[in-house]
Amino acid sequence: MTANGTGPGTEAAVAALGELLDAYGADPARWPAEDPRRAAAWALIDAGDPAALQSLAAARALDRALDSAAPPVPSAALAGSVLQAAQRPGPVAGAWAGLLLKPIFLKPAGALACAMLLGLAVGSWSPVPIAGIGESRAAGLEYEMASLGALDGNGDDNGFGDFAE
């Protein structure tokens, strides 16, 4: 601690007091009771620390300025329009369904549906089974081998067809 009563612990307590004052104001009733910084901050104020007292005075001045400010009064036109808007019935669920059925919303949905149906059709009519979907990879290879065997059934023992000559 230095000769003027400040030290590392005091500086941290002054910083904690500043955080409390910035967050909750100068009235200690607004400070959370469970906050551990509260006791250290009031100990500084009770000890008469100049930095703590200066921070407290500035926070009290700000609190007075904020308390003296009156909220703006809305104009009669604004109040009337808010009241009229509150009395109007809101949209019902059927109105949202009507928006979704407009042609502008159907174009992307239709394109997505067509792409999905095309993918399902190509996938289900594909001659080569897809490994991992309903069959094992070995079953897919057996199908391919059987297809190659069918190509070799032209009666030529060498399997070269007319190219052997």
N, C-alpha and C. Protein backbone atom coordinates (compact mmCIF):
# COMPACT_ATOMS: atom_id res chain seq x y z
N MET A 1 0.85 -1.17 0.00
CA MET A 1 0.00 0.00 0.00
C MET A 1 0.89 1.23 0.00
N THR A 2 0.49 2.27 -0.72
CA THR A 2 1.29 3.49 -0.81
C THR A 2 0.89 4.45 0.29
N ALA A 3 1.55 5.58 0.33
CA ALA A 3 1.33 6.56 1.39
C ALA A 3 -0.07 7.16 1.34
N ASN A 4 -0.69 7.25 0.15
CA ASN A 4 -2.01 7.88 0.06
C ASN A 4 -3.15 6.87 0.27
N GLY A 5 -2.80 5.60 0.61
CA GLY A 5 -3.82 4.62 0.91
C GLY A 5 -4.30 3.83 -0.28
N THR A 6 -3.64 3.96 -1.40
CA THR A 6 -4.04 3.20 -2.58
C THR A 6 -3.05 2.09 -2.80
N GLY A 7 -3.49 1.02 -3.33
CA GLY A 7 -2.64 -0.13 -3.64
C GLY A 7 -3.36 -0.99 -4.65
N PRO A 8 -2.78 -2.13 -4.95
CA PRO A 8 -3.42 -3.01 -5.94
C PRO A 8 -4.81 -3.45 -5.51
N GLY A 9 -5.01 -3.78 -4.24
CA GLY A 9 -6.33 -4.19 -3.76
C GLY A 9 -7.32 -3.05 -3.79
N THR A 10 -6.85 -1.85 -3.45
CA THR A 10 -7.72 -0.67 -3.46
C THR A 10 -8.12 -0.31 -4.88
N GLU A 11 -7.19 -0.40 -5.81
CA GLU A 11 -7.51 -0.09 -7.21
C GLU A 11 -8.54 -1.07 -7.76
N ALA A 12 -8.42 -2.34 -7.39
CA ALA A 12 -9.40 -3.33 -7.85
C ALA A 12 -10.77 -3.06 -7.23
N ALA A 13 -10.79 -2.63 -5.96
CA ALA A 13 -12.06 -2.32 -5.31
C ALA A 13 -12.69 -1.08 -5.92
N VAL A 14 -11.88 -0.09 -6.29
CA VAL A 14 -12.40 1.12 -6.96
C VAL A 14 -12.96 0.74 -8.33
N ALA A 15 -12.28 -0.15 -9.05
CA ALA A 15 -12.78 -0.60 -10.35
C ALA A 15 -14.10 -1.36 -10.18
N ALA A 16 -14.18 -2.19 -9.12
CA ALA A 16 -15.43 -2.92 -8.86
C ALA A 16 -16.55 -1.95 -8.50
N LEU A 17 -16.24 -0.91 -7.72
CA LEU A 17 -17.24 0.11 -7.39
C LEU A 17 -17.71 0.81 -8.66
N GLY A 18 -16.79 1.14 -9.54
CA GLY A 18 -17.16 1.77 -10.81
C GLY A 18 -18.09 0.89 -11.64
N GLU A 19 -17.81 -0.43 -11.66
CA GLU A 19 -18.68 -1.34 -12.41
C GLU A 19 -20.08 -1.39 -11.79
N LEU A 20 -20.15 -1.42 -10.46
CA LEU A 20 -21.46 -1.42 -9.80
C LEU A 20 -22.21 -0.13 -10.06
N LEU A 21 -21.51 0.99 -9.99
CA LEU A 21 -22.16 2.27 -10.22
C LEU A 21 -22.65 2.39 -11.66
N ASP A 22 -21.84 1.92 -12.61
CA ASP A 22 -22.24 1.97 -14.02
C ASP A 22 -23.44 1.07 -14.30
N ALA A 23 -23.48 -0.09 -13.66
CA ALA A 23 -24.54 -1.04 -13.95
C ALA A 23 -25.84 -0.73 -13.21
N TYR A 24 -25.74 -0.29 -11.91
CA TYR A 24 -26.94 -0.19 -11.08
C TYR A 24 -27.21 1.21 -10.54
N GLY A 25 -26.31 2.14 -10.73
CA GLY A 25 -26.51 3.49 -10.23
C GLY A 25 -25.98 3.66 -8.81
N ALA A 26 -26.19 4.85 -8.25
CA ALA A 26 -25.62 5.20 -6.95
C ALA A 26 -26.45 4.71 -5.78
N ASP A 27 -27.68 4.31 -5.99
CA ASP A 27 -28.53 3.84 -4.90
C ASP A 27 -28.16 2.39 -4.56
N PRO A 28 -27.67 2.14 -3.34
CA PRO A 28 -27.24 0.76 -3.00
C PRO A 28 -28.40 -0.23 -2.94
N ALA A 29 -29.63 0.25 -2.84
CA ALA A 29 -30.78 -0.65 -2.84
C ALA A 29 -30.93 -1.35 -4.19
N ARG A 30 -30.40 -0.75 -5.25
CA ARG A 30 -30.49 -1.35 -6.59
C ARG A 30 -29.41 -2.39 -6.83
N TRP A 31 -28.40 -2.41 -6.00
CA TRP A 31 -27.29 -3.35 -6.20
C TRP A 31 -27.73 -4.74 -5.75
N PRO A 32 -27.32 -5.78 -6.45
CA PRO A 32 -27.68 -7.13 -6.04
C PRO A 32 -27.04 -7.49 -4.69
N ALA A 33 -27.82 -8.06 -3.79
CA ALA A 33 -27.33 -8.39 -2.45
C ALA A 33 -26.27 -9.48 -2.49
N GLU A 34 -26.34 -10.37 -3.46
CA GLU A 34 -25.39 -11.49 -3.51
C GLU A 34 -24.09 -11.14 -4.22
N ASP A 35 -23.95 -9.93 -4.73
CA ASP A 35 -22.74 -9.53 -5.44
C ASP A 35 -21.59 -9.39 -4.44
N PRO A 36 -20.49 -10.12 -4.64
CA PRO A 36 -19.38 -10.05 -3.68
C PRO A 36 -18.64 -8.71 -3.72
N ARG A 37 -18.80 -7.95 -4.77
CA ARG A 37 -18.11 -6.66 -4.87
C ARG A 37 -18.76 -5.59 -4.01
N ARG A 38 -19.98 -5.83 -3.59
CA ARG A 38 -20.75 -4.83 -2.85
C ARG A 38 -20.09 -4.45 -1.53
N ALA A 39 -19.66 -5.41 -0.75
CA ALA A 39 -19.06 -5.13 0.57
C ALA A 39 -17.75 -4.36 0.42
N ALA A 40 -16.92 -4.76 -0.54
CA ALA A 40 -15.64 -4.07 -0.74
C ALA A 40 -15.87 -2.63 -1.20
N ALA A 41 -16.88 -2.42 -2.05
CA ALA A 41 -17.16 -1.07 -2.54
C ALA A 41 -17.63 -0.17 -1.40
N TRP A 42 -18.52 -0.67 -0.54
CA TRP A 42 -18.99 0.16 0.57
C TRP A 42 -17.92 0.36 1.63
N ALA A 43 -17.00 -0.57 1.74
CA ALA A 43 -15.88 -0.39 2.67
C ALA A 43 -15.00 0.77 2.21
N LEU A 44 -14.80 0.90 0.91
CA LEU A 44 -14.03 2.03 0.37
C LEU A 44 -14.75 3.35 0.61
N ILE A 45 -16.05 3.35 0.39
CA ILE A 45 -16.82 4.59 0.60
C ILE A 45 -16.80 4.98 2.08
N ASP A 46 -16.97 4.01 2.97
CA ASP A 46 -16.94 4.29 4.41
C ASP A 46 -15.56 4.75 4.86
N ALA A 47 -14.51 4.25 4.22
CA ALA A 47 -13.14 4.66 4.58
C ALA A 47 -12.81 6.05 4.05
N GLY A 48 -13.65 6.57 3.15
CA GLY A 48 -13.42 7.91 2.62
C GLY A 48 -12.40 7.96 1.51
N ASP A 49 -12.26 6.90 0.75
CA ASP A 49 -11.31 6.89 -0.38
C ASP A 49 -11.73 7.95 -1.39
N PRO A 50 -10.78 8.84 -1.77
CA PRO A 50 -11.14 9.95 -2.67
C PRO A 50 -11.66 9.48 -4.03
N ALA A 51 -11.05 8.45 -4.60
CA ALA A 51 -11.49 7.97 -5.91
C ALA A 51 -12.89 7.36 -5.81
N ALA A 52 -13.16 6.64 -4.73
CA ALA A 52 -14.47 6.04 -4.54
C ALA A 52 -15.54 7.11 -4.33
N LEU A 53 -15.22 8.13 -3.53
CA LEU A 53 -16.18 9.21 -3.28
C LEU A 53 -16.46 10.00 -4.56
N GLN A 54 -15.42 10.21 -5.36
CA GLN A 54 -15.59 10.95 -6.62
C GLN A 54 -16.49 10.14 -7.57
N SER A 55 -16.27 8.83 -7.65
CA SER A 55 -17.11 7.98 -8.52
C SER A 55 -18.56 7.98 -8.04
N LEU A 56 -18.74 7.92 -6.71
CA LEU A 56 -20.09 7.92 -6.14
C LEU A 56 -20.80 9.24 -6.42
N ALA A 57 -20.07 10.37 -6.30
CA ALA A 57 -20.66 11.69 -6.57
C ALA A 57 -21.08 11.81 -8.04
N ALA A 58 -20.25 11.31 -8.94
CA ALA A 58 -20.58 11.37 -10.37
C ALA A 58 -21.80 10.50 -10.68
N ALA A 59 -21.88 9.34 -10.04
CA ALA A 59 -23.03 8.46 -10.27
C ALA A 59 -24.31 9.08 -9.71
N ARG A 60 -24.22 9.74 -8.55
CA ARG A 60 -25.39 10.40 -7.98
C ARG A 60 -25.86 11.54 -8.89
N ALA A 61 -24.92 12.29 -9.47
CA ALA A 61 -25.30 13.39 -10.37
C ALA A 61 -26.00 12.82 -11.62
N LEU A 62 -25.48 11.72 -12.13
CA LEU A 62 -26.11 11.10 -13.30
C LEU A 62 -27.50 10.58 -12.94
N ASP A 63 -27.65 9.97 -11.77
CA ASP A 63 -28.96 9.49 -11.34
C ASP A 63 -29.97 10.63 -11.23
N ARG A 64 -29.54 11.76 -10.67
CA ARG A 64 -30.44 12.93 -10.56
C ARG A 64 -30.84 13.44 -11.93
N ALA A 65 -29.89 13.48 -12.85
CA ALA A 65 -30.20 13.96 -14.21
C ALA A 65 -31.19 13.02 -14.90
N LEU A 66 -30.98 11.72 -14.73
CA LEU A 66 -31.90 10.77 -15.36
C LEU A 66 -33.28 10.79 -14.72
N ASP A 67 -33.32 10.97 -13.40
CA ASP A 67 -34.61 11.03 -12.72
C ASP A 67 -35.40 12.29 -13.06
N SER A 68 -34.69 13.38 -13.37
CA SER A 68 -35.39 14.64 -13.67
C SER A 68 -35.90 14.70 -15.10
N ALA A 69 -35.38 13.85 -15.96
CA ALA A 69 -35.82 13.86 -17.36
C ALA A 69 -37.21 13.24 -17.46
N ALA A 70 -38.10 13.96 -18.14
CA ALA A 70 -39.47 13.47 -18.33
C ALA A 70 -39.54 12.70 -19.64
N PRO A 71 -40.26 11.61 -19.66
CA PRO A 71 -40.41 10.88 -20.92
C PRO A 71 -41.20 11.70 -21.92
N PRO A 72 -40.91 11.57 -23.19
CA PRO A 72 -41.65 12.33 -24.20
C PRO A 72 -43.11 11.88 -24.25
N VAL A 73 -43.98 12.85 -24.47
CA VAL A 73 -45.41 12.57 -24.55
C VAL A 73 -45.75 12.34 -26.03
N PRO A 74 -46.42 11.24 -26.34
CA PRO A 74 -46.76 10.99 -27.74
C PRO A 74 -47.83 11.97 -28.22
N SER A 75 -47.78 12.25 -29.51
CA SER A 75 -48.78 13.15 -30.07
C SER A 75 -50.14 12.45 -30.12
N ALA A 76 -51.17 13.25 -30.27
CA ALA A 76 -52.53 12.71 -30.32
C ALA A 76 -52.72 11.82 -31.55
N ALA A 77 -52.08 12.19 -32.67
CA ALA A 77 -52.20 11.39 -33.89
C ALA A 77 -51.56 10.02 -33.70
N LEU A 78 -50.41 9.99 -33.05
CA LEU A 78 -49.74 8.71 -32.82
C LEU A 78 -50.57 7.84 -31.87
N ALA A 79 -51.07 8.41 -30.80
CA ALA A 79 -51.89 7.65 -29.85
C ALA A 79 -53.14 7.11 -30.53
N GLY A 80 -53.77 7.92 -31.39
CA GLY A 80 -54.97 7.48 -32.10
C GLY A 80 -54.68 6.33 -33.06
N SER A 81 -53.56 6.42 -33.78
CA SER A 81 -53.24 5.35 -34.73
C SER A 81 -52.89 4.06 -34.01
N VAL A 82 -52.24 4.15 -32.85
CA VAL A 82 -51.93 2.95 -32.08
C VAL A 82 -53.22 2.30 -31.57
N LEU A 83 -54.15 3.11 -31.09
CA LEU A 83 -55.42 2.57 -30.60
C LEU A 83 -56.23 1.93 -31.72
N GLN A 84 -56.23 2.56 -32.91
CA GLN A 84 -56.95 1.98 -34.04
C GLN A 84 -56.32 0.66 -34.48
N ALA A 85 -55.01 0.61 -34.48
CA ALA A 85 -54.33 -0.63 -34.87
C ALA A 85 -54.60 -1.74 -33.86
N ALA A 86 -54.74 -1.40 -32.60
CA ALA A 86 -55.02 -2.42 -31.58
C ALA A 86 -56.44 -2.94 -31.69
N GLN A 87 -57.36 -2.15 -32.20
CA GLN A 87 -58.75 -2.58 -32.31
C GLN A 87 -59.03 -3.39 -33.56
N ARG A 88 -58.16 -3.29 -34.58
CA ARG A 88 -58.34 -4.06 -35.80
C ARG A 88 -58.04 -5.53 -35.53
N PRO A 89 -58.84 -6.42 -36.12
CA PRO A 89 -58.54 -7.85 -35.93
C PRO A 89 -57.28 -8.23 -36.70
N GLY A 90 -56.53 -9.12 -36.12
CA GLY A 90 -55.30 -9.58 -36.76
C GLY A 90 -55.59 -10.59 -37.85
N PRO A 91 -54.57 -10.96 -38.61
CA PRO A 91 -54.77 -11.95 -39.67
C PRO A 91 -55.07 -13.32 -39.06
N VAL A 92 -55.93 -14.04 -39.75
CA VAL A 92 -56.28 -15.38 -39.30
C VAL A 92 -55.42 -16.39 -40.04
N ALA A 93 -55.51 -17.62 -39.63
CA ALA A 93 -54.67 -18.66 -40.23
C ALA A 93 -54.98 -18.84 -41.72
N GLY A 94 -56.21 -18.65 -42.12
CA GLY A 94 -56.57 -18.80 -43.53
C GLY A 94 -55.90 -17.77 -44.42
N ALA A 95 -55.63 -16.59 -43.88
CA ALA A 95 -54.96 -15.56 -44.67
C ALA A 95 -53.54 -15.98 -45.01
N TRP A 96 -52.86 -16.64 -44.08
CA TRP A 96 -51.49 -17.09 -44.35
C TRP A 96 -51.50 -18.20 -45.41
N ALA A 97 -52.50 -19.06 -45.37
CA ALA A 97 -52.59 -20.11 -46.37
C ALA A 97 -52.81 -19.51 -47.75
N GLY A 98 -53.60 -18.44 -47.83
CA GLY A 98 -53.82 -17.77 -49.11
C GLY A 98 -52.53 -17.17 -49.67
N LEU A 99 -51.68 -16.66 -48.80
CA LEU A 99 -50.40 -16.12 -49.26
C LEU A 99 -49.50 -17.22 -49.82
N LEU A 100 -49.54 -18.39 -49.20
CA LEU A 100 -48.68 -19.48 -49.65
C LEU A 100 -49.14 -20.05 -50.99
N LEU A 101 -50.42 -19.88 -51.33
CA LEU A 101 -50.93 -20.45 -52.57
C LEU A 101 -50.81 -19.51 -53.76
N LYS A 102 -50.25 -18.34 -53.55
CA LYS A 102 -50.06 -17.42 -54.68
C LYS A 102 -48.99 -17.99 -55.61
N PRO A 103 -49.09 -17.68 -56.91
CA PRO A 103 -48.15 -18.26 -57.88
C PRO A 103 -46.68 -17.96 -57.58
N ILE A 104 -46.39 -16.82 -56.98
CA ILE A 104 -44.98 -16.50 -56.73
C ILE A 104 -44.35 -17.48 -55.75
N PHE A 105 -45.16 -18.04 -54.85
CA PHE A 105 -44.64 -19.02 -53.91
C PHE A 105 -44.64 -20.43 -54.49
N LEU A 106 -45.49 -20.67 -55.49
CA LEU A 106 -45.58 -22.00 -56.06
C LEU A 106 -44.45 -22.32 -57.02
N LYS A 107 -43.86 -21.33 -57.64
CA LYS A 107 -42.80 -21.60 -58.62
C LYS A 107 -41.59 -22.29 -57.98
N PRO A 108 -41.01 -21.78 -56.91
CA PRO A 108 -39.87 -22.50 -56.32
C PRO A 108 -40.28 -23.86 -55.74
N ALA A 109 -41.46 -23.93 -55.16
CA ALA A 109 -41.92 -25.20 -54.59
C ALA A 109 -42.15 -26.22 -55.70
N GLY A 110 -42.70 -25.79 -56.83
CA GLY A 110 -42.91 -26.69 -57.95
C GLY A 110 -41.59 -27.19 -58.54
N ALA A 111 -40.62 -26.30 -58.66
CA ALA A 111 -39.31 -26.70 -59.18
C ALA A 111 -38.65 -27.71 -58.24
N LEU A 112 -38.75 -27.48 -56.96
CA LEU A 112 -38.17 -28.42 -55.99
C LEU A 112 -38.88 -29.77 -56.05
N ALA A 113 -40.19 -29.76 -56.18
CA ALA A 113 -40.94 -31.02 -56.27
C ALA A 113 -40.58 -31.79 -57.54
N CYS A 114 -40.42 -31.08 -58.67
CA CYS A 114 -40.04 -31.75 -59.92
C CYS A 114 -38.65 -32.37 -59.80
N ALA A 115 -37.72 -31.65 -59.21
CA ALA A 115 -36.37 -32.18 -59.05
C ALA A 115 -36.37 -33.41 -58.14
N MET A 116 -37.17 -33.37 -57.10
CA MET A 116 -37.25 -34.50 -56.18
C MET A 116 -37.85 -35.72 -56.90
N LEU A 117 -38.93 -35.52 -57.65
CA LEU A 117 -39.55 -36.64 -58.36
C LEU A 117 -38.62 -37.21 -59.43
N LEU A 118 -37.89 -36.36 -60.12
CA LEU A 118 -36.94 -36.83 -61.12
C LEU A 118 -35.84 -37.66 -60.47
N GLY A 119 -35.35 -37.21 -59.33
CA GLY A 119 -34.32 -37.98 -58.62
C GLY A 119 -34.83 -39.32 -58.14
N LEU A 120 -36.06 -39.36 -57.64
CA LEU A 120 -36.64 -40.64 -57.21
C LEU A 120 -36.84 -41.57 -58.39
N ALA A 121 -37.31 -41.04 -59.51
CA ALA A 121 -37.54 -41.88 -60.69
C ALA A 121 -36.23 -42.45 -61.22
N VAL A 122 -35.22 -41.64 -61.36
CA VAL A 122 -33.93 -42.11 -61.88
C VAL A 122 -33.33 -43.12 -60.91
N GLY A 123 -33.44 -42.86 -59.63
CA GLY A 123 -32.88 -43.79 -58.65
C GLY A 123 -33.60 -45.12 -58.61
N SER A 124 -34.91 -45.12 -58.78
CA SER A 124 -35.65 -46.39 -58.71
C SER A 124 -35.57 -47.18 -60.01
N TRP A 125 -35.39 -46.54 -61.16
CA TRP A 125 -35.33 -47.24 -62.44
C TRP A 125 -33.91 -47.51 -62.90
N SER A 126 -32.94 -47.20 -62.08
CA SER A 126 -31.55 -47.40 -62.45
C SER A 126 -31.24 -48.89 -62.55
N PRO A 127 -30.56 -49.34 -63.60
CA PRO A 127 -30.26 -50.77 -63.74
C PRO A 127 -29.18 -51.24 -62.76
N VAL A 128 -28.36 -50.36 -62.27
CA VAL A 128 -27.30 -50.73 -61.35
C VAL A 128 -27.77 -50.45 -59.93
N PRO A 129 -27.79 -51.45 -59.06
CA PRO A 129 -28.24 -51.18 -57.70
C PRO A 129 -27.26 -50.28 -56.97
N ILE A 130 -27.79 -49.49 -56.10
CA ILE A 130 -26.97 -48.56 -55.35
C ILE A 130 -26.53 -49.25 -54.07
N ALA A 131 -25.23 -49.34 -53.86
CA ALA A 131 -24.70 -50.01 -52.67
C ALA A 131 -25.10 -49.23 -51.44
N GLY A 132 -25.55 -49.96 -50.42
CA GLY A 132 -25.91 -49.34 -49.17
C GLY A 132 -27.38 -49.03 -49.05
N ILE A 133 -28.12 -49.11 -50.15
CA ILE A 133 -29.56 -48.84 -50.09
C ILE A 133 -30.28 -50.13 -50.46
N GLY A 134 -30.66 -50.88 -49.49
CA GLY A 134 -31.42 -52.09 -49.71
C GLY A 134 -30.58 -53.30 -50.09
N GLU A 135 -29.34 -53.13 -50.44
CA GLU A 135 -28.48 -54.25 -50.82
C GLU A 135 -27.08 -54.01 -50.28
N SER A 136 -26.33 -55.08 -50.24
CA SER A 136 -24.93 -54.93 -49.85
C SER A 136 -24.09 -54.61 -51.08
N ARG A 137 -22.88 -54.21 -50.86
CA ARG A 137 -21.99 -53.90 -51.98
C ARG A 137 -21.67 -55.18 -52.77
N ALA A 138 -21.60 -56.31 -52.10
CA ALA A 138 -21.31 -57.58 -52.79
C ALA A 138 -22.45 -57.94 -53.75
N ALA A 139 -23.70 -57.64 -53.35
CA ALA A 139 -24.82 -57.93 -54.23
C ALA A 139 -24.75 -57.08 -55.49
N GLY A 140 -24.30 -55.86 -55.37
CA GLY A 140 -24.15 -55.01 -56.54
C GLY A 140 -23.08 -55.54 -57.48
N LEU A 141 -21.98 -56.07 -56.93
CA LEU A 141 -20.92 -56.63 -57.77
C LEU A 141 -21.39 -57.92 -58.44
N GLU A 142 -22.19 -58.75 -57.75
CA GLU A 142 -22.72 -59.96 -58.36
C GLU A 142 -23.60 -59.62 -59.56
N TYR A 143 -24.37 -58.57 -59.44
CA TYR A 143 -25.24 -58.15 -60.54
C TYR A 143 -24.40 -57.72 -61.74
N GLU A 144 -23.35 -56.98 -61.48
CA GLU A 144 -22.49 -56.52 -62.57
C GLU A 144 -21.78 -57.70 -63.24
N MET A 145 -21.33 -58.69 -62.45
CA MET A 145 -20.67 -59.86 -63.02
C MET A 145 -21.64 -60.67 -63.88
N ALA A 146 -22.89 -60.79 -63.41
CA ALA A 146 -23.89 -61.52 -64.20
C ALA A 146 -24.16 -60.79 -65.50
N SER A 147 -24.15 -59.47 -65.48
CA SER A 147 -24.36 -58.71 -66.71
C SER A 147 -23.23 -58.94 -67.69
N LEU A 148 -22.01 -59.02 -67.20
CA LEU A 148 -20.86 -59.27 -68.08
C LEU A 148 -20.91 -60.69 -68.63
N GLY A 149 -21.37 -61.64 -67.84
CA GLY A 149 -21.49 -63.03 -68.31
C GLY A 149 -22.52 -63.15 -69.41
N ALA A 150 -23.57 -62.38 -69.34
CA ALA A 150 -24.60 -62.42 -70.38
C ALA A 150 -24.06 -61.88 -71.69
N LEU A 151 -23.14 -60.96 -71.63
CA LEU A 151 -22.55 -60.42 -72.86
C LEU A 151 -21.64 -61.45 -73.53
N ASP A 152 -21.10 -62.39 -72.75
CA ASP A 152 -20.16 -63.36 -73.29
C ASP A 152 -20.85 -64.58 -73.88
N GLY A 153 -22.15 -64.66 -73.80
CA GLY A 153 -22.87 -65.85 -74.27
C GLY A 153 -23.14 -65.85 -75.76
N ASN A 154 -22.17 -65.53 -76.62
CA ASN A 154 -22.40 -65.52 -78.07
C ASN A 154 -21.91 -66.80 -78.73
N GLY A 155 -21.49 -67.82 -77.96
CA GLY A 155 -21.08 -69.09 -78.52
C GLY A 155 -19.61 -69.16 -78.83
N ASP A 156 -18.87 -68.14 -78.72
CA ASP A 156 -17.44 -68.15 -78.98
C ASP A 156 -16.71 -68.57 -77.72
N ASP A 157 -15.86 -69.56 -77.81
CA ASP A 157 -15.16 -70.06 -76.63
C ASP A 157 -14.13 -69.07 -76.11
N ASN A 158 -13.52 -68.32 -76.98
CA ASN A 158 -12.51 -67.36 -76.55
C ASN A 158 -13.11 -66.09 -75.98
N GLY A 159 -14.34 -65.82 -76.30
CA GLY A 159 -15.01 -64.63 -75.79
C GLY A 159 -14.68 -63.40 -76.57
N PHE A 160 -14.06 -63.53 -77.76
CA PHE A 160 -13.70 -62.36 -78.52
C PHE A 160 -14.66 -62.07 -79.67
N GLY A 161 -15.59 -62.96 -79.92
CA GLY A 161 -16.54 -62.77 -80.99
C GLY A 161 -15.88 -62.77 -82.34
N ASP A 162 -16.25 -61.88 -83.23
CA ASP A 162 -15.72 -61.81 -84.58
C ASP A 162 -14.33 -61.17 -84.63
N PHE A 163 -13.84 -60.68 -83.53
CA PHE A 163 -12.54 -60.00 -83.54
C PHE A 163 -11.38 -60.97 -83.50
N ALA A 164 -11.61 -62.28 -83.20
CA ALA A 164 -10.53 -63.24 -83.09
C ALA A 164 -9.97 -63.62 -84.44
N GLU A 165 -10.70 -63.43 -85.47
CA GLU A 165 -10.26 -63.86 -86.80
C GLU A 165 -9.32 -62.91 -87.45
